[in-house]
Amino acid sequence: MPEICRFLGIVIAIYWKEHGVPHFHAKYQGCRASFAIEDFRLLEGKLPPRVTGLVLEWAASHRDELLGDWELAMQKKPLKRIAPLE
């Protein structure tokens, strides 16, 4: 899994074999969800509400970096790490 960030037990990743709308995946204690980068809508899965809030707060402050990593993933290039939630 191409992990780009980890904070508070939450793992954020973007996969190289993805397609469709630009999105990222979040994993927390066996729960998984994917979110659109453009508007942060939930595309699939479910996380605890508190964790969803943390993921969305993090994503909102790193939207440009997420889009940059999405572009790298589509080109099958190494992804850049993104700073965790502070």
C-alpha atoms as a PDB file:
ATOM      1  CA  MET A   1       0.000   0.000   0.000  1.00  0.00           C
ATOM      2  CA  PRO A   2       1.571   3.326  -1.038  1.00  0.00           C
ATOM      3  CA  GLU A   3       1.264   5.076   2.314  1.00  0.00           C
ATOM      4  CA  ILE A   4       1.574   8.854   2.118  1.00  0.00           C
ATOM      5  CA  CYS A   5       0.752   9.759   5.723  1.00  0.00           C
ATOM      6  CA  ARG A   6       0.148   8.253   9.155  1.00  0.00           C
ATOM      7  CA  PHE A   7      -1.235  10.004  12.228  1.00  0.00           C
ATOM      8  CA  LEU A   8      -3.177   9.000  15.343  1.00  0.00           C
ATOM      9  CA  GLY A   9      -3.389   5.407  14.097  1.00  0.00           C
ATOM     10  CA  ILE A  10      -4.862   6.509  10.743  1.00  0.00           C
ATOM     11  CA  VAL A  11      -3.083   5.432   7.555  1.00  0.00           C
ATOM     12  CA  ILE A  12      -3.618   7.446   4.344  1.00  0.00           C
ATOM     13  CA  ALA A  13      -2.752   5.935   0.959  1.00  0.00           C
ATOM     14  CA  ILE A  14      -3.167   6.422  -2.779  1.00  0.00           C
ATOM     15  CA  TYR A  15      -2.920   3.336  -4.998  1.00  0.00           C
ATOM     16  CA  TRP A  16      -1.101   3.251  -8.337  1.00  0.00           C
ATOM     17  CA  LYS A  17      -3.693   1.060 -10.077  1.00  0.00           C
ATOM     18  CA  GLU A  18      -6.631   3.366  -9.348  1.00  0.00           C
ATOM     19  CA  HIS A  19      -8.808   5.159 -11.843  1.00  0.00           C
ATOM     20  CA  GLY A  20     -11.886   7.348 -11.792  1.00  0.00           C
ATOM     21  CA  VAL A  21     -12.135  10.505  -9.739  1.00  0.00           C
ATOM     22  CA  PRO A  22      -8.992  11.505  -7.834  1.00  0.00           C
ATOM     23  CA  HIS A  23      -9.303  10.014  -4.359  1.00  0.00           C
ATOM     24  CA  PHE A  24      -7.404   8.681  -1.367  1.00  0.00           C
ATOM     25  CA  HIS A  25      -7.928   5.861   1.091  1.00  0.00           C
ATOM     26  CA  ALA A  26      -7.977   6.010   4.882  1.00  0.00           C
ATOM     27  CA  LYS A  27      -7.586   2.991   7.148  1.00  0.00           C
ATOM     28  CA  TYR A  28      -8.155   2.870  10.898  1.00  0.00           C
ATOM     29  CA  GLN A  29      -8.412  -0.204  13.137  1.00  0.00           C
ATOM     30  CA  GLY A  30      -9.790  -2.473  10.430  1.00  0.00           C
ATOM     31  CA  CYS A  31     -12.142   0.163   8.994  1.00  0.00           C
ATOM     32  CA  ARG A  32     -11.531   1.582   5.529  1.00  0.00           C
ATOM     33  CA  ALA A  33     -12.948   4.432   3.479  1.00  0.00           C
ATOM     34  CA  SER A  34     -12.108   6.345   0.319  1.00  0.00           C
ATOM     35  CA  PHE A  35     -12.721  10.055  -0.201  1.00  0.00           C
ATOM     36  CA  ALA A  36     -12.748  12.251  -3.312  1.00  0.00           C
ATOM     37  CA  ILE A  37      -9.935  14.795  -3.229  1.00  0.00           C
ATOM     38  CA  GLU A  38     -11.912  17.552  -4.951  1.00  0.00           C
ATOM     39  CA  ASP A  39     -14.835  17.807  -2.524  1.00  0.00           C
ATOM     40  CA  PHE A  40     -13.921  15.211   0.162  1.00  0.00           C
ATOM     41  CA  ARG A  41     -17.163  13.281  -0.299  1.00  0.00           C
ATOM     42  CA  LEU A  42     -17.177   9.703   0.925  1.00  0.00           C
ATOM     43  CA  LEU A  43     -16.888   7.370  -2.052  1.00  0.00           C
ATOM     44  CA  GLU A  44     -16.839   4.022  -0.306  1.00  0.00           C
ATOM     45  CA  GLY A  45     -16.507   2.446   3.113  1.00  0.00           C
ATOM     46  CA  LYS A  46     -16.962   3.792   6.617  1.00  0.00           C
ATOM     47  CA  LEU A  47     -14.838   5.128   9.451  1.00  0.00           C
ATOM     48  CA  PRO A  48     -15.857   6.082  12.972  1.00  0.00           C
ATOM     49  CA  PRO A  49     -17.289   9.644  12.925  1.00  0.00           C
ATOM     50  CA  ARG A  50     -14.426  11.101  14.989  1.00  0.00           C
ATOM     51  CA  VAL A  51     -11.856   9.530  12.645  1.00  0.00           C
ATOM     52  CA  THR A  52     -13.727  10.773   9.572  1.00  0.00           C
ATOM     53  CA  GLY A  53     -13.568  14.286  10.989  1.00  0.00           C
ATOM     54  CA  LEU A  54      -9.809  14.025  11.558  1.00  0.00           C
ATOM     55  CA  VAL A  55      -9.239  12.648   8.051  1.00  0.00           C
ATOM     56  CA  LEU A  56     -11.286  15.433   6.465  1.00  0.00           C
ATOM     57  CA  GLU A  57      -9.536  18.110   8.539  1.00  0.00           C
ATOM     58  CA  TRP A  58      -6.170  16.725   7.417  1.00  0.00           C
ATOM     59  CA  ALA A  59      -7.254  16.432   3.775  1.00  0.00           C
ATOM     60  CA  ALA A  60      -8.592  19.993   3.642  1.00  0.00           C
ATOM     61  CA  SER A  61      -5.200  21.353   4.617  1.00  0.00           C
ATOM     62  CA  HIS A  62      -3.347  19.147   2.115  1.00  0.00           C
ATOM     63  CA  ARG A  63      -5.604  19.144  -0.970  1.00  0.00           C
ATOM     64  CA  ASP A  64      -2.900  20.357  -3.387  1.00  0.00           C
ATOM     65  CA  GLU A  65      -0.420  17.777  -2.113  1.00  0.00           C
ATOM     66  CA  LEU A  66      -3.051  15.031  -2.448  1.00  0.00           C
ATOM     67  CA  LEU A  67      -3.731  16.059  -6.049  1.00  0.00           C
ATOM     68  CA  GLY A  68       0.017  16.061  -6.721  1.00  0.00           C
ATOM     69  CA  ASP A  69       0.346  12.537  -5.344  1.00  0.00           C
ATOM     70  CA  TRP A  70      -2.671  11.423  -7.391  1.00  0.00           C
ATOM     71  CA  GLU A  71      -0.936  12.664 -10.548  1.00  0.00           C
ATOM     72  CA  LEU A  72       2.270  10.861  -9.558  1.00  0.00           C
ATOM     73  CA  ALA A  73       0.311   7.659  -8.924  1.00  0.00           C
ATOM     74  CA  MET A  74      -1.330   7.860 -12.360  1.00  0.00           C
ATOM     75  CA  GLN A  75       2.173   8.083 -13.848  1.00  0.00           C
ATOM     76  CA  LYS A  76       3.294   5.172 -11.622  1.00  0.00           C
ATOM     77  CA  LYS A  77       5.943   7.366 -10.003  1.00  0.00           C
ATOM     78  CA  PRO A  78       6.940   7.364  -6.327  1.00  0.00           C
ATOM     79  CA  LEU A  79       4.538   9.298  -4.117  1.00  0.00           C
ATOM     80  CA  LYS A  80       5.589  12.067  -1.766  1.00  0.00           C
ATOM     81  CA  ARG A  81       4.966  11.879   1.964  1.00  0.00           C
ATOM     82  CA  ILE A  82       2.503  14.426   3.343  1.00  0.00           C
ATOM     83  CA  ALA A  83       2.803  15.888   6.828  1.00  0.00           C
ATOM     84  CA  PRO A  84       0.476  14.439   9.479  1.00  0.00           C
ATOM     85  CA  LEU A  85      -2.299  16.289  11.236  1.00  0.00           C
ATOM     86  CA  GLU A  86      -0.835  18.638  13.831  1.00  0.00           C
END
